[in-house]
Amino acid sequence: MFKVNEGSADRVVRVLVGVVLVALALTKGWMWAWIGVLPILTGAMGICPLYSVFGINTCGVKKTS
């Protein structure tokens, strides 16, 4: 369905931000911080649906012409 469109640096940053947000949700009780699950999932899969919509690709794979 979707192709991988996130590079390794992008994926690492997403997972780290997601983990921090989920940790805040667990420790501080901030319900909005559960949104951190989304960057964890997109970083783990390497697919960002919004990147697909806007034609962004940080994967670094060169297209052949």
N, C-alpha and C. Protein backbone atom coordinates (compact mmCIF):
# COMPACT_ATOMS: atom_id res chain seq x y z
N MET A 1 0.83 -1.18 0.00
CA MET A 1 0.00 0.00 0.00
C MET A 1 0.88 1.25 0.00
N PHE A 2 1.63 1.47 1.06
CA PHE A 2 2.53 2.62 1.14
C PHE A 2 3.96 2.12 0.99
N LYS A 3 4.82 2.96 0.44
CA LYS A 3 6.23 2.64 0.32
C LYS A 3 6.98 3.35 1.45
N VAL A 4 8.10 2.78 1.85
CA VAL A 4 8.93 3.39 2.89
C VAL A 4 9.36 4.77 2.40
N ASN A 5 9.12 5.78 3.21
CA ASN A 5 9.46 7.15 2.81
C ASN A 5 10.16 7.93 3.91
N GLU A 6 10.69 7.22 4.90
CA GLU A 6 11.43 7.87 5.98
C GLU A 6 12.85 7.34 6.01
N GLY A 7 13.80 8.25 6.11
CA GLY A 7 15.19 7.86 6.26
C GLY A 7 15.49 7.43 7.68
N SER A 8 16.67 6.89 7.89
CA SER A 8 17.02 6.35 9.21
C SER A 8 17.07 7.44 10.29
N ALA A 9 17.60 8.61 9.97
CA ALA A 9 17.65 9.69 10.96
C ALA A 9 16.24 10.14 11.33
N ASP A 10 15.38 10.26 10.34
CA ASP A 10 13.99 10.64 10.56
C ASP A 10 13.29 9.62 11.46
N ARG A 11 13.55 8.35 11.21
CA ARG A 11 12.92 7.29 12.00
C ARG A 11 13.39 7.32 13.45
N VAL A 12 14.68 7.52 13.66
CA VAL A 12 15.23 7.56 15.02
C VAL A 12 14.64 8.72 15.80
N VAL A 13 14.57 9.89 15.17
CA VAL A 13 14.02 11.07 15.84
C VAL A 13 12.55 10.83 16.20
N ARG A 14 11.78 10.27 15.27
CA ARG A 14 10.36 10.00 15.54
C ARG A 14 10.18 9.07 16.73
N VAL A 15 10.96 7.98 16.75
CA VAL A 15 10.82 7.02 17.85
C VAL A 15 11.22 7.65 19.18
N LEU A 16 12.31 8.41 19.19
CA LEU A 16 12.75 9.05 20.44
C LEU A 16 11.72 10.06 20.95
N VAL A 17 11.19 10.88 20.06
CA VAL A 17 10.16 11.85 20.46
C VAL A 17 8.93 11.12 20.97
N GLY A 18 8.54 10.05 20.29
CA GLY A 18 7.38 9.27 20.71
C GLY A 18 7.58 8.65 22.09
N VAL A 19 8.75 8.11 22.34
CA VAL A 19 9.04 7.49 23.64
C VAL A 19 8.99 8.54 24.75
N VAL A 20 9.54 9.72 24.48
CA VAL A 20 9.50 10.80 25.48
C VAL A 20 8.05 11.19 25.78
N LEU A 21 7.25 11.32 24.74
CA LEU A 21 5.85 11.70 24.95
C LEU A 21 5.08 10.64 25.73
N VAL A 22 5.28 9.38 25.38
CA VAL A 22 4.59 8.31 26.11
C VAL A 22 5.07 8.26 27.56
N ALA A 23 6.36 8.49 27.78
CA ALA A 23 6.88 8.52 29.15
C ALA A 23 6.22 9.65 29.95
N LEU A 24 6.02 10.80 29.31
CA LEU A 24 5.32 11.89 29.99
C LEU A 24 3.88 11.52 30.29
N ALA A 25 3.25 10.81 29.37
CA ALA A 25 1.87 10.38 29.62
C ALA A 25 1.80 9.44 30.81
N LEU A 26 2.77 8.56 30.91
CA LEU A 26 2.77 7.59 32.01
C LEU A 26 3.15 8.21 33.35
N THR A 27 4.12 9.13 33.34
CA THR A 27 4.61 9.68 34.60
C THR A 27 3.83 10.90 35.08
N LYS A 28 3.47 11.78 34.15
CA LYS A 28 2.79 13.02 34.51
C LYS A 28 1.27 12.94 34.38
N GLY A 29 0.80 11.92 33.67
CA GLY A 29 -0.63 11.78 33.49
C GLY A 29 -1.21 12.69 32.42
N TRP A 30 -0.34 13.23 31.57
CA TRP A 30 -0.80 14.13 30.52
C TRP A 30 -1.44 13.30 29.40
N MET A 31 -2.74 13.38 29.28
CA MET A 31 -3.45 12.56 28.30
C MET A 31 -3.04 12.90 26.87
N TRP A 32 -2.77 14.17 26.57
CA TRP A 32 -2.40 14.56 25.21
C TRP A 32 -1.09 13.93 24.78
N ALA A 33 -0.25 13.54 25.73
CA ALA A 33 1.06 12.98 25.39
C ALA A 33 0.95 11.58 24.80
N TRP A 34 -0.21 10.95 24.88
CA TRP A 34 -0.40 9.64 24.25
C TRP A 34 -0.30 9.73 22.73
N ILE A 35 -0.31 10.94 22.20
CA ILE A 35 -0.11 11.13 20.76
C ILE A 35 1.27 10.60 20.35
N GLY A 36 2.14 10.41 21.32
CA GLY A 36 3.48 9.87 21.05
C GLY A 36 3.47 8.47 20.47
N VAL A 37 2.36 7.78 20.57
CA VAL A 37 2.25 6.45 19.98
C VAL A 37 2.37 6.56 18.45
N LEU A 38 1.84 7.61 17.87
CA LEU A 38 1.88 7.76 16.40
C LEU A 38 3.30 7.87 15.85
N PRO A 39 4.16 8.75 16.40
CA PRO A 39 5.52 8.77 15.85
C PRO A 39 6.28 7.47 16.11
N ILE A 40 5.97 6.77 17.19
CA ILE A 40 6.63 5.48 17.42
C ILE A 40 6.24 4.50 16.32
N LEU A 41 4.95 4.45 15.99
CA LEU A 41 4.49 3.54 14.94
C LEU A 41 5.04 3.91 13.57
N THR A 42 4.97 5.19 13.22
CA THR A 42 5.46 5.59 11.90
C THR A 42 6.98 5.41 11.80
N GLY A 43 7.69 5.67 12.89
CA GLY A 43 9.13 5.46 12.87
C GLY A 43 9.50 3.99 12.78
N ALA A 44 8.75 3.15 13.46
CA ALA A 44 9.02 1.71 13.41
C ALA A 44 8.74 1.13 12.03
N MET A 45 7.70 1.61 11.39
CA MET A 45 7.32 1.09 10.07
C MET A 45 8.09 1.77 8.94
N GLY A 46 8.56 2.99 9.16
CA GLY A 46 9.27 3.72 8.12
C GLY A 46 8.34 4.36 7.11
N ILE A 47 7.08 4.43 7.46
CA ILE A 47 6.08 4.98 6.55
C ILE A 47 5.31 6.10 7.24
N CYS A 48 5.27 7.26 6.59
CA CYS A 48 4.49 8.38 7.10
C CYS A 48 3.42 8.70 6.06
N PRO A 49 2.14 8.48 6.39
CA PRO A 49 1.08 8.77 5.43
C PRO A 49 1.05 10.23 4.98
N LEU A 50 1.37 11.16 5.86
CA LEU A 50 1.39 12.57 5.46
C LEU A 50 2.52 12.85 4.47
N TYR A 51 3.65 12.19 4.63
CA TYR A 51 4.73 12.33 3.66
C TYR A 51 4.25 11.88 2.29
N SER A 52 3.49 10.80 2.25
CA SER A 52 2.97 10.30 0.97
C SER A 52 2.03 11.31 0.33
N VAL A 53 1.18 11.92 1.12
CA VAL A 53 0.23 12.90 0.60
C VAL A 53 0.97 14.10 0.00
N PHE A 54 2.02 14.57 0.68
CA PHE A 54 2.74 15.76 0.24
C PHE A 54 3.93 15.45 -0.66
N GLY A 55 4.18 14.18 -0.95
CA GLY A 55 5.27 13.80 -1.85
C GLY A 55 6.65 13.95 -1.25
N ILE A 56 6.76 13.84 0.07
CA ILE A 56 8.05 13.98 0.75
C ILE A 56 8.66 12.59 0.91
N ASN A 57 9.97 12.52 0.73
CA ASN A 57 10.68 11.26 0.92
C ASN A 57 12.05 11.56 1.50
N THR A 58 12.30 11.13 2.74
CA THR A 58 13.59 11.34 3.38
C THR A 58 14.41 10.05 3.40
N CYS A 59 13.95 9.06 2.66
CA CYS A 59 14.57 7.74 2.67
C CYS A 59 15.98 7.76 2.11
N GLY A 60 16.24 8.59 1.14
CA GLY A 60 17.57 8.68 0.58
C GLY A 60 17.81 7.70 -0.55
N VAL A 61 16.82 6.92 -0.91
CA VAL A 61 16.97 6.01 -2.04
C VAL A 61 16.83 6.82 -3.32
N LYS A 62 17.84 6.72 -4.15
CA LYS A 62 17.83 7.50 -5.39
C LYS A 62 16.94 6.81 -6.43
N LYS A 63 16.17 7.64 -7.12
CA LYS A 63 15.31 7.13 -8.18
C LYS A 63 16.12 7.03 -9.46
N THR A 64 15.91 5.96 -10.19
CA THR A 64 16.58 5.83 -11.48
C THR A 64 15.71 6.43 -12.56
N SER A 65 16.34 7.09 -13.51
CA SER A 65 15.53 7.73 -14.56
C SER A 65 15.58 6.96 -15.85
